[in-house]
C-alpha atoms as a PDB file:
ATOM      1  CA  MET A   1      -8.205   6.525  11.223  1.00  0.00           C
ATOM      2  CA  ALA A   2     -11.058   4.642  12.882  1.00  0.00           C
ATOM      3  CA  PHE A   3      -9.924   1.104  12.256  1.00  0.00           C
ATOM      4  CA  LYS A   4     -12.198  -1.223  14.203  1.00  0.00           C
ATOM      5  CA  ASN A   5     -11.903  -5.008  14.593  1.00  0.00           C
ATOM      6  CA  VAL A   6      -8.529  -4.907  12.898  1.00  0.00           C
ATOM      7  CA  ARG A   7      -5.668  -6.955  14.311  1.00  0.00           C
ATOM      8  CA  LEU A   8      -1.978  -7.034  13.467  1.00  0.00           C
ATOM      9  CA  GLY A   9      -0.028 -10.123  12.565  1.00  0.00           C
ATOM     10  CA  ILE A  10       3.268 -11.033  11.056  1.00  0.00           C
ATOM     11  CA  ALA A  11       4.413 -13.904   8.875  1.00  0.00           C
ATOM     12  CA  PRO A  12       7.312 -16.215   9.904  1.00  0.00           C
ATOM     13  CA  ILE A  13       8.846 -15.887   6.473  1.00  0.00           C
ATOM     14  CA  GLY A  14      11.165 -13.146   7.768  1.00  0.00           C
ATOM     15  CA  TRP A  15      12.679 -15.706  10.098  1.00  0.00           C
ATOM     16  CA  THR A  16      12.548 -18.898   8.007  1.00  0.00           C
ATOM     17  CA  ASN A  17      11.727 -19.188   4.317  1.00  0.00           C
ATOM     18  CA  ASP A  18       9.490 -21.990   3.133  1.00  0.00           C
ATOM     19  CA  ASP A  19      10.667 -21.851  -0.485  1.00  0.00           C
ATOM     20  CA  MET A  20      14.353 -21.529   0.393  1.00  0.00           C
ATOM     21  CA  PRO A  21      14.864 -23.345   3.713  1.00  0.00           C
ATOM     22  CA  ASP A  22      18.489 -22.333   3.886  1.00  0.00           C
ATOM     23  CA  LEU A  23      17.345 -18.780   4.541  1.00  0.00           C
ATOM     24  CA  GLY A  24      16.892 -18.739   8.296  1.00  0.00           C
ATOM     25  CA  GLY A  25      17.679 -22.405   8.667  1.00  0.00           C
ATOM     26  CA  GLU A  26      19.406 -21.493  11.930  1.00  0.00           C
ATOM     27  CA  ASN A  27      16.313 -19.839  13.421  1.00  0.00           C
ATOM     28  CA  THR A  28      14.079 -21.927  15.625  1.00  0.00           C
ATOM     29  CA  PHE A  29      10.283 -21.890  15.927  1.00  0.00           C
ATOM     30  CA  GLU A  30      10.540 -20.720  19.525  1.00  0.00           C
ATOM     31  CA  GLN A  31      12.773 -17.756  18.589  1.00  0.00           C
ATOM     32  CA  CYS A  32      10.444 -16.779  15.737  1.00  0.00           C
ATOM     33  CA  VAL A  33       7.188 -16.738  17.680  1.00  0.00           C
ATOM     34  CA  SER A  34       8.743 -15.201  20.795  1.00  0.00           C
ATOM     35  CA  GLU A  35      10.134 -12.316  18.771  1.00  0.00           C
ATOM     36  CA  MET A  36       6.790 -11.844  17.030  1.00  0.00           C
ATOM     37  CA  ALA A  37       5.170 -11.377  20.394  1.00  0.00           C
ATOM     38  CA  LEU A  38       7.891  -9.140  21.733  1.00  0.00           C
ATOM     39  CA  ALA A  39       7.571  -6.913  18.688  1.00  0.00           C
ATOM     40  CA  GLY A  40       3.912  -6.305  19.525  1.00  0.00           C
ATOM     41  CA  PHE A  41       2.034  -8.609  17.150  1.00  0.00           C
ATOM     42  CA  THR A  42      -0.886 -10.828  18.177  1.00  0.00           C
ATOM     43  CA  GLY A  43      -1.239 -13.056  15.113  1.00  0.00           C
ATOM     44  CA  CYS A  44       0.918 -15.019  12.708  1.00  0.00           C
ATOM     45  CA  GLU A  45       0.749 -17.245   9.678  1.00  0.00           C
ATOM     46  CA  VAL A  46       2.179 -20.759   9.534  1.00  0.00           C
ATOM     47  CA  GLY A  47       5.776 -21.561   8.604  1.00  0.00           C
ATOM     48  CA  ASN A  48       7.896 -24.627   7.971  1.00  0.00           C
ATOM     49  CA  LYS A  49       9.359 -24.698  11.468  1.00  0.00           C
ATOM     50  CA  TYR A  50       5.958 -24.782  13.179  1.00  0.00           C
ATOM     51  CA  PRO A  51       4.970 -27.970  15.022  1.00  0.00           C
ATOM     52  CA  ALA A  52       2.829 -30.267  12.893  1.00  0.00           C
ATOM     53  CA  ASP A  53       0.845 -31.226  15.937  1.00  0.00           C
ATOM     54  CA  ARG A  54      -1.934 -28.635  16.067  1.00  0.00           C
ATOM     55  CA  ALA A  55      -2.500 -28.977  19.786  1.00  0.00           C
ATOM     56  CA  ALA A  56       1.185 -28.390  20.543  1.00  0.00           C
ATOM     57  CA  LEU A  57       1.219 -25.424  18.191  1.00  0.00           C
ATOM     58  CA  LYS A  58      -1.845 -23.856  19.758  1.00  0.00           C
ATOM     59  CA  GLU A  59      -0.326 -24.213  23.206  1.00  0.00           C
ATOM     60  CA  ALA A  60       3.000 -22.706  22.204  1.00  0.00           C
ATOM     61  CA  LEU A  61       1.321 -19.736  20.516  1.00  0.00           C
ATOM     62  CA  GLY A  62      -1.095 -19.225  23.410  1.00  0.00           C
ATOM     63  CA  LEU A  63       1.759 -18.911  25.834  1.00  0.00           C
ATOM     64  CA  ARG A  64       2.933 -15.903  23.829  1.00  0.00           C
ATOM     65  CA  GLY A  65      -0.452 -14.329  23.222  1.00  0.00           C
ATOM     66  CA  LEU A  66      -0.450 -15.293  19.552  1.00  0.00           C
ATOM     67  CA  THR A  67      -3.003 -16.915  17.292  1.00  0.00           C
ATOM     68  CA  VAL A  68      -2.816 -18.240  13.763  1.00  0.00           C
ATOM     69  CA  CYS A  69      -4.675 -15.946  11.352  1.00  0.00           C
ATOM     70  CA  ASN A  70      -4.019 -17.613   7.982  1.00  0.00           C
ATOM     71  CA  ARG A  71      -2.068 -20.286   6.134  1.00  0.00           C
ATOM     72  CA  TRP A  72      -0.892 -20.517   2.529  1.00  0.00           C
ATOM     73  CA  PHE A  73      -2.688 -23.126   0.443  1.00  0.00           C
ATOM     74  CA  SER A  74      -1.291 -24.220  -2.910  1.00  0.00           C
ATOM     75  CA  SER A  75      -4.228 -25.026  -5.196  1.00  0.00           C
ATOM     76  CA  PHE A  76      -3.738 -26.935  -8.441  1.00  0.00           C
ATOM     77  CA  LEU A  77      -7.233 -26.569  -9.823  1.00  0.00           C
ATOM     78  CA  LEU A  78      -5.950 -26.528 -13.386  1.00  0.00           C
ATOM     79  CA  GLU A  79      -3.894 -29.695 -13.075  1.00  0.00           C
ATOM     80  CA  LYS A  80      -5.493 -31.951 -10.425  1.00  0.00           C
ATOM     81  CA  PRO A  81      -8.958 -33.472 -10.157  1.00  0.00           C
ATOM     82  CA  PHE A  82     -11.173 -31.201  -8.113  1.00  0.00           C
ATOM     83  CA  ALA A  83     -11.882 -33.880  -5.515  1.00  0.00           C
ATOM     84  CA  GLU A  84      -8.186 -34.170  -4.746  1.00  0.00           C
ATOM     85  CA  VAL A  85      -7.770 -30.417  -4.327  1.00  0.00           C
ATOM     86  CA  ALA A  86     -10.939 -30.218  -2.263  1.00  0.00           C
ATOM     87  CA  ALA A  87      -9.729 -32.914   0.147  1.00  0.00           C
ATOM     88  CA  GLU A  88      -6.394 -31.132   0.707  1.00  0.00           C
ATOM     89  CA  PHE A  89      -8.264 -27.851   1.125  1.00  0.00           C
ATOM     90  CA  GLU A  90     -10.691 -29.230   3.691  1.00  0.00           C
ATOM     91  CA  ALA A  91      -7.839 -30.721   5.741  1.00  0.00           C
ATOM     92  CA  GLN A  92      -6.170 -27.319   5.875  1.00  0.00           C
ATOM     93  CA  LEU A  93      -9.459 -25.643   6.850  1.00  0.00           C
ATOM     94  CA  ASP A  94      -9.831 -28.035   9.765  1.00  0.00           C
ATOM     95  CA  PHE A  95      -6.266 -27.341  10.871  1.00  0.00           C
ATOM     96  CA  LEU A  96      -6.785 -23.595  10.735  1.00  0.00           C
ATOM     97  CA  ALA A  97     -10.196 -23.595  12.402  1.00  0.00           C
ATOM     98  CA  PHE A  98      -8.750 -25.549  15.354  1.00  0.00           C
ATOM     99  CA  LEU A  99      -6.120 -22.827  15.718  1.00  0.00           C
ATOM    100  CA  GLY A 100      -8.651 -19.988  15.619  1.00  0.00           C
ATOM    101  CA  ALA A 101      -8.152 -18.760  12.057  1.00  0.00           C
ATOM    102  CA  ARG A 102     -11.103 -17.687   9.926  1.00  0.00           C
ATOM    103  CA  VAL A 103      -9.426 -17.285   6.538  1.00  0.00           C
ATOM    104  CA  ILE A 104      -7.273 -19.363   4.288  1.00  0.00           C
ATOM    105  CA  GLY A 105      -5.040 -17.931   1.553  1.00  0.00           C
ATOM    106  CA  ALA A 106      -5.097 -19.900  -1.679  1.00  0.00           C
ATOM    107  CA  SER A 107      -2.723 -19.356  -4.619  1.00  0.00           C
ATOM    108  CA  GLU A 108      -3.146 -21.260  -7.869  1.00  0.00           C
ATOM    109  CA  GLN A 109       0.162 -22.933  -8.461  1.00  0.00           C
ATOM    110  CA  SER A 110      -0.534 -24.673 -11.795  1.00  0.00           C
ATOM    111  CA  GLY A 111       2.303 -23.716 -14.114  1.00  0.00           C
ATOM    112  CA  SER A 112       3.745 -21.362 -11.469  1.00  0.00           C
ATOM    113  CA  VAL A 113       7.372 -20.207 -11.856  1.00  0.00           C
ATOM    114  CA  GLN A 114       7.572 -18.544  -8.453  1.00  0.00           C
ATOM    115  CA  GLY A 115       9.571 -21.396  -6.936  1.00  0.00           C
ATOM    116  CA  THR A 116      11.728 -22.126 -10.010  1.00  0.00           C
ATOM    117  CA  GLY A 117      14.796 -20.626 -11.576  1.00  0.00           C
ATOM    118  CA  LYS A 118      12.839 -19.238 -14.533  1.00  0.00           C
ATOM    119  CA  PRO A 119      12.643 -15.483 -15.200  1.00  0.00           C
ATOM    120  CA  VAL A 120       9.622 -14.292 -13.264  1.00  0.00           C
ATOM    121  CA  PHE A 121       8.717 -11.496 -15.650  1.00  0.00           C
ATOM    122  CA  ASP A 122       9.258 -13.371 -18.914  1.00  0.00           C
ATOM    123  CA  GLU A 123       7.886 -16.838 -18.209  1.00  0.00           C
ATOM    124  CA  LYS A 124       4.833 -16.246 -16.087  1.00  0.00           C
ATOM    125  CA  PRO A 125       2.003 -18.629 -17.080  1.00  0.00           C
ATOM    126  CA  VAL A 126      -1.027 -17.227 -18.907  1.00  0.00           C
ATOM    127  CA  MET A 127      -4.418 -18.908 -18.931  1.00  0.00           C
ATOM    128  CA  ASP A 128      -6.706 -19.420 -21.897  1.00  0.00           C
ATOM    129  CA  GLY A 129     -10.493 -19.037 -21.700  1.00  0.00           C
ATOM    130  CA  ALA A 130     -11.132 -22.679 -20.706  1.00  0.00           C
ATOM    131  CA  GLN A 131      -8.598 -22.475 -17.929  1.00  0.00           C
ATOM    132  CA  TRP A 132     -10.093 -19.273 -16.611  1.00  0.00           C
ATOM    133  CA  ALA A 133     -13.494 -20.927 -16.462  1.00  0.00           C
ATOM    134  CA  ARG A 134     -12.041 -23.988 -14.683  1.00  0.00           C
ATOM    135  CA  LEU A 135     -10.174 -21.864 -12.160  1.00  0.00           C
ATOM    136  CA  CYS A 136     -13.089 -19.598 -11.281  1.00  0.00           C
ATOM    137  CA  ASP A 137     -15.538 -22.520 -11.003  1.00  0.00           C
ATOM    138  CA  GLY A 138     -13.082 -24.417  -8.845  1.00  0.00           C
ATOM    139  CA  LEU A 139     -12.534 -21.422  -6.542  1.00  0.00           C
ATOM    140  CA  ASN A 140     -16.285 -20.952  -6.134  1.00  0.00           C
ATOM    141  CA  ARG A 141     -16.601 -24.592  -5.143  1.00  0.00           C
ATOM    142  CA  LEU A 142     -13.748 -24.334  -2.691  1.00  0.00           C
ATOM    143  CA  GLY A 143     -15.353 -21.194  -1.308  1.00  0.00           C
ATOM    144  CA  GLU A 144     -18.558 -23.103  -0.652  1.00  0.00           C
ATOM    145  CA  ILE A 145     -16.574 -25.658   1.383  1.00  0.00           C
ATOM    146  CA  ALA A 146     -14.991 -22.873   3.362  1.00  0.00           C
ATOM    147  CA  VAL A 147     -18.311 -21.153   4.092  1.00  0.00           C
ATOM    148  CA  LYS A 148     -19.803 -24.399   5.411  1.00  0.00           C
ATOM    149  CA  LYS A 149     -16.921 -24.531   7.946  1.00  0.00           C
ATOM    150  CA  GLY A 150     -17.359 -20.880   8.978  1.00  0.00           C
ATOM    151  CA  MET A 151     -14.235 -19.852   7.029  1.00  0.00           C
ATOM    152  CA  LYS A 152     -13.403 -17.510   4.151  1.00  0.00           C
ATOM    153  CA  LEU A 153     -11.433 -18.430   1.076  1.00  0.00           C
ATOM    154  CA  THR A 154      -9.100 -15.547   0.073  1.00  0.00           C
ATOM    155  CA  PHE A 155      -7.188 -15.656  -3.189  1.00  0.00           C
ATOM    156  CA  HIS A 156      -3.563 -14.591  -3.113  1.00  0.00           C
ATOM    157  CA  HIS A 157      -2.405 -12.926  -6.340  1.00  0.00           C
ATOM    158  CA  HIS A 158       1.292 -13.663  -6.599  1.00  0.00           C
ATOM    159  CA  MET A 159       4.328 -13.058  -8.830  1.00  0.00           C
ATOM    160  CA  GLY A 160       5.040 -15.915 -11.234  1.00  0.00           C
ATOM    161  CA  THR A 161       1.524 -17.337 -11.136  1.00  0.00           C
ATOM    162  CA  VAL A 162      -1.553 -17.265 -13.333  1.00  0.00           C
ATOM    163  CA  VAL A 163      -2.949 -14.323 -11.386  1.00  0.00           C
ATOM    164  CA  GLN A 164      -0.282 -11.678 -11.193  1.00  0.00           C
ATOM    165  CA  THR A 165      -1.387  -8.682 -13.231  1.00  0.00           C
ATOM    166  CA  GLU A 166      -4.077  -6.123 -12.514  1.00  0.00           C
ATOM    167  CA  GLU A 167      -6.098  -7.399 -15.465  1.00  0.00           C
ATOM    168  CA  GLU A 168      -5.915 -10.934 -14.104  1.00  0.00           C
ATOM    169  CA  ILE A 169      -6.977  -9.869 -10.644  1.00  0.00           C
ATOM    170  CA  ASP A 170      -9.905  -7.921 -12.128  1.00  0.00           C
ATOM    171  CA  ARG A 171     -10.973 -10.899 -14.230  1.00  0.00           C
ATOM    172  CA  LEU A 172     -10.819 -13.238 -11.263  1.00  0.00           C
ATOM    173  CA  MET A 173     -12.931 -10.933  -9.150  1.00  0.00           C
ATOM    174  CA  GLU A 174     -15.474 -10.419 -11.929  1.00  0.00           C
ATOM    175  CA  ASN A 175     -15.907 -14.134 -12.527  1.00  0.00           C
ATOM    176  CA  THR A 176     -16.127 -15.479  -8.999  1.00  0.00           C
ATOM    177  CA  ASP A 177     -18.913 -15.190  -6.440  1.00  0.00           C
ATOM    178  CA  PRO A 178     -18.247 -12.324  -3.949  1.00  0.00           C
ATOM    179  CA  ALA A 179     -19.880 -14.362  -1.223  1.00  0.00           C
ATOM    180  CA  LEU A 180     -17.517 -17.306  -1.797  1.00  0.00           C
ATOM    181  CA  VAL A 181     -14.209 -15.927  -3.064  1.00  0.00           C
ATOM    182  CA  HIS A 182     -12.430 -13.012  -1.370  1.00  0.00           C
ATOM    183  CA  LEU A 183      -9.195 -11.230  -2.133  1.00  0.00           C
ATOM    184  CA  LEU A 184      -5.948 -11.515  -0.229  1.00  0.00           C
ATOM    185  CA  PHE A 185      -4.473  -8.069  -0.972  1.00  0.00           C
ATOM    186  CA  ASP A 186      -0.676  -8.007  -1.129  1.00  0.00           C
ATOM    187  CA  SER A 187       0.963  -4.579  -1.580  1.00  0.00           C
ATOM    188  CA  GLY A 188       4.402  -6.056  -2.274  1.00  0.00           C
ATOM    189  CA  HIS A 189       3.417  -8.394  -5.108  1.00  0.00           C
ATOM    190  CA  LEU A 190       1.473  -5.641  -6.826  1.00  0.00           C
ATOM    191  CA  SER A 191       4.419  -3.277  -6.528  1.00  0.00           C
ATOM    192  CA  PHE A 192       6.857  -5.945  -7.766  1.00  0.00           C
ATOM    193  CA  ALA A 193       4.622  -6.427 -10.829  1.00  0.00           C
ATOM    194  CA  GLY A 194       4.680  -2.725 -11.560  1.00  0.00           C
ATOM    195  CA  ILE A 195       1.067  -2.166 -10.502  1.00  0.00           C
ATOM    196  CA  ASP A 196      -0.264   0.710  -8.409  1.00  0.00           C
ATOM    197  CA  PRO A 197      -1.540  -1.019  -5.238  1.00  0.00           C
ATOM    198  CA  VAL A 198      -3.839   1.864  -4.362  1.00  0.00           C
ATOM    199  CA  GLN A 199      -5.663   1.579  -7.698  1.00  0.00           C
ATOM    200  CA  VAL A 200      -6.252  -2.123  -7.234  1.00  0.00           C
ATOM    201  CA  LEU A 201      -7.411  -1.707  -3.634  1.00  0.00           C
ATOM    202  CA  GLN A 202      -9.855   1.077  -4.553  1.00  0.00           C
ATOM    203  CA  LYS A 203     -11.498  -1.285  -7.007  1.00  0.00           C
ATOM    204  CA  HIS A 204     -11.667  -4.352  -4.810  1.00  0.00           C
ATOM    205  CA  ALA A 205     -11.563  -3.168  -1.172  1.00  0.00           C
ATOM    206  CA  ARG A 206     -15.023  -4.646  -0.458  1.00  0.00           C
ATOM    207  CA  ARG A 207     -13.733  -8.081  -1.529  1.00  0.00           C
ATOM    208  CA  VAL A 208     -10.619  -7.968   0.642  1.00  0.00           C
ATOM    209  CA  ALA A 209     -10.709 -10.365   3.599  1.00  0.00           C
ATOM    210  CA  HIS A 210      -6.957 -10.550   4.385  1.00  0.00           C
ATOM    211  CA  VAL A 211      -4.089  -8.122   3.853  1.00  0.00           C
ATOM    212  CA  HIS A 212      -0.314  -8.664   3.483  1.00  0.00           C
ATOM    213  CA  LEU A 213       1.701  -5.529   4.173  1.00  0.00           C
ATOM    214  CA  LYS A 214       4.860  -5.892   2.199  1.00  0.00           C
ATOM    215  CA  ASP A 215       7.258  -3.203   1.016  1.00  0.00           C
ATOM    216  CA  MET A 216       9.594  -3.264  -1.979  1.00  0.00           C
ATOM    217  CA  ARG A 217      13.070  -2.083  -2.984  1.00  0.00           C
ATOM    218  CA  PRO A 218      12.666  -0.808  -6.569  1.00  0.00           C
ATOM    219  CA  THR A 219      16.382  -0.984  -7.476  1.00  0.00           C
ATOM    220  CA  ILE A 220      16.347  -4.732  -6.792  1.00  0.00           C
ATOM    221  CA  VAL A 221      13.205  -5.349  -8.790  1.00  0.00           C
ATOM    222  CA  ALA A 222      14.663  -3.343 -11.711  1.00  0.00           C
ATOM    223  CA  ARG A 223      17.671  -5.648 -11.613  1.00  0.00           C
ATOM    224  CA  VAL A 224      15.406  -8.735 -11.561  1.00  0.00           C
ATOM    225  CA  LYS A 225      13.670  -7.469 -14.697  1.00  0.00           C
ATOM    226  CA  ALA A 226      16.815  -6.344 -16.524  1.00  0.00           C
ATOM    227  CA  GLU A 227      18.804  -9.526 -15.826  1.00  0.00           C
ATOM    228  CA  ARG A 228      15.829 -11.872 -16.317  1.00  0.00           C
ATOM    229  CA  LEU A 229      16.149 -13.259 -12.812  1.00  0.00           C
ATOM    230  CA  SER A 230      13.763 -15.526 -11.007  1.00  0.00           C
ATOM    231  CA  PHE A 231      11.404 -14.571  -8.221  1.00  0.00           C
ATOM    232  CA  LEU A 232      13.497 -16.458  -5.669  1.00  0.00           C
ATOM    233  CA  GLU A 233      16.696 -14.717  -6.865  1.00  0.00           C
ATOM    234  CA  GLY A 234      14.870 -11.409  -6.323  1.00  0.00           C
ATOM    235  CA  VAL A 235      13.992 -12.416  -2.775  1.00  0.00           C
ATOM    236  CA  ARG A 236      17.606 -13.392  -2.023  1.00  0.00           C
ATOM    237  CA  LEU A 237      18.787 -10.048  -3.353  1.00  0.00           C
ATOM    238  CA  GLY A 238      16.386  -8.215  -1.081  1.00  0.00           C
ATOM    239  CA  ALA A 239      13.448  -7.212  -3.292  1.00  0.00           C
ATOM    240  CA  PHE A 240      11.049  -7.185  -0.332  1.00  0.00           C
ATOM    241  CA  THR A 241      11.181  -5.506   3.029  1.00  0.00           C
ATOM    242  CA  VAL A 242       8.845  -4.468   5.814  1.00  0.00           C
ATOM    243  CA  PRO A 243       6.433  -1.511   5.628  1.00  0.00           C
ATOM    244  CA  GLY A 244       8.249   1.785   5.967  1.00  0.00           C
ATOM    245  CA  ASP A 245      11.567   0.532   4.591  1.00  0.00           C
ATOM    246  CA  GLY A 246      10.855   0.587   0.835  1.00  0.00           C
ATOM    247  CA  CYS A 247       9.026   2.514  -1.844  1.00  0.00           C
ATOM    248  CA  VAL A 248       5.428   1.668  -1.078  1.00  0.00           C
ATOM    249  CA  ASP A 249       3.315   4.494   0.416  1.00  0.00           C
ATOM    250  CA  PHE A 250       1.026   2.742   2.885  1.00  0.00           C
ATOM    251  CA  ALA A 251      -0.873   5.760   4.105  1.00  0.00           C
ATOM    252  CA  PRO A 252      -3.343   5.793   1.202  1.00  0.00           C
ATOM    253  CA  LEU A 253      -3.747   2.031   1.440  1.00  0.00           C
ATOM    254  CA  PHE A 254      -4.695   2.363   5.082  1.00  0.00           C
ATOM    255  CA  GLU A 255      -7.120   5.111   4.176  1.00  0.00           C
ATOM    256  CA  VAL A 256      -8.851   3.010   1.532  1.00  0.00           C
ATOM    257  CA  LEU A 257      -9.146   0.022   3.889  1.00  0.00           C
ATOM    258  CA  ASP A 258     -10.478   2.243   6.673  1.00  0.00           C
ATOM    259  CA  GLY A 259     -12.963   3.842   4.321  1.00  0.00           C
ATOM    260  CA  ALA A 260     -14.176   0.380   3.282  1.00  0.00           C
ATOM    261  CA  HIS A 261     -14.618  -0.557   6.956  1.00  0.00           C
ATOM    262  CA  TYR A 262     -12.128  -3.369   6.577  1.00  0.00           C
ATOM    263  CA  GLU A 263     -12.276  -5.876   9.429  1.00  0.00           C
ATOM    264  CA  GLY A 264      -9.641  -8.586   9.726  1.00  0.00           C
ATOM    265  CA  TRP A 265      -5.920  -8.996   9.885  1.00  0.00           C
ATOM    266  CA  LEU A 266      -3.164  -6.773   8.608  1.00  0.00           C
ATOM    267  CA  VAL A 267      -0.134  -9.021   8.348  1.00  0.00           C
ATOM    268  CA  VAL A 268       3.452  -7.895   7.863  1.00  0.00           C
ATOM    269  CA  GLU A 269       5.002 -10.283   5.320  1.00  0.00           C
ATOM    270  CA  ALA A 270       8.468  -9.539   4.099  1.00  0.00           C
ATOM    271  CA  GLU A 271      10.688 -12.411   3.013  1.00  0.00           C
ATOM    272  CA  GLN A 272      14.276 -11.456   3.398  1.00  0.00           C
ATOM    273  CA  ASP A 273      17.565 -13.174   4.180  1.00  0.00           C
ATOM    274  CA  PRO A 274      17.576 -13.065   7.998  1.00  0.00           C
ATOM    275  CA  ALA A 275      21.350 -13.175   7.960  1.00  0.00           C
ATOM    276  CA  LYS A 276      21.272  -9.772   6.260  1.00  0.00           C
ATOM    277  CA  ALA A 277      18.046  -8.396   7.741  1.00  0.00           C
ATOM    278  CA  ASN A 278      17.625  -9.273  11.445  1.00  0.00           C
ATOM    279  CA  PRO A 279      13.964 -10.389  11.609  1.00  0.00           C
ATOM    280  CA  PHE A 280      13.341  -9.074  15.120  1.00  0.00           C
ATOM    281  CA  ALA A 281      14.791  -5.674  14.289  1.00  0.00           C
ATOM    282  CA  TYR A 282      12.657  -5.486  11.121  1.00  0.00           C
ATOM    283  CA  ALA A 283       9.543  -6.617  13.003  1.00  0.00           C
ATOM    284  CA  LEU A 284      10.005  -3.788  15.458  1.00  0.00           C
ATOM    285  CA  LYS A 285      10.551  -1.362  12.571  1.00  0.00           C
ATOM    286  CA  ALA A 286       7.322  -2.508  10.951  1.00  0.00           C
ATOM    287  CA  ARG A 287       5.328  -2.290  14.157  1.00  0.00           C
ATOM    288  CA  LYS A 288       6.523   1.275  14.789  1.00  0.00           C
ATOM    289  CA  TYR A 289       5.722   2.334  11.246  1.00  0.00           C
ATOM    290  CA  ILE A 290       2.198   0.901  11.377  1.00  0.00           C
ATOM    291  CA  ARG A 291       1.511   2.577  14.695  1.00  0.00           C
ATOM    292  CA  GLU A 292       2.690   5.910  13.364  1.00  0.00           C
ATOM    293  CA  THR A 293       0.966   5.660   9.966  1.00  0.00           C
ATOM    294  CA  ALA A 294      -2.278   3.860  10.706  1.00  0.00           C
ATOM    295  CA  GLY A 295      -2.682   4.663  14.355  1.00  0.00           C
ATOM    296  CA  ILE A 296      -2.982   0.988  15.424  1.00  0.00           C
END
């Protein structure tokens, strides 16, 4: 493959979990970012153990040859006044821009069950027409703010949220401005939802501005569905893993991205219980697999 201007990052969620802080509570920020660098990654996303002081964070990452490439942003466009969401969004853009990032990953959390004990397959929120219009308009407006700061808004489809299914992803892409709203493509969340990630990527590759490489263990997801478990219970059981360790075939995904001349970050993101899945060992496993499969 001829990947150009593509860089590899990894998310800290394998070391410490933002939604369930007890997972990896024993792991320090210094251990996390040092092991990221040792495993051969040059970028990372932001986790709950990271210093709040952006200058201190930039210095600590720079010592290890790392840079921040993205940060999760919880938008509540369906619940909060737009001005309130926009202020929070702009503050995060400024934080990320200082650290060298050029994208921000937004996920609409209005009505989300991803962080609750509710069954993720049975109680996912569904929007009506008015809510769809409000969300898409709000995202376009946030996208305008991002563009003015030299940034890109990427939308993260996610289990348990209003944009989880293929139809919902398609509708979001169709009803937002391609110049303002981009897609954060996540192979793991699509696979968890029972969606072919290659099919989705083939449709929307030109809109993708950030990529999460996440693998999945199908036996765990089958149990989540059969036993009506929550998303977080699925994570604790080991639904996700790093590329090359689950059922997702990444070779065709890399081919589609390469064919679309994707430029940006490929980020390994695999939330697991670090007491069961040593994060450094899994980071090394992911890096080896990507090198062998994508040639980068």
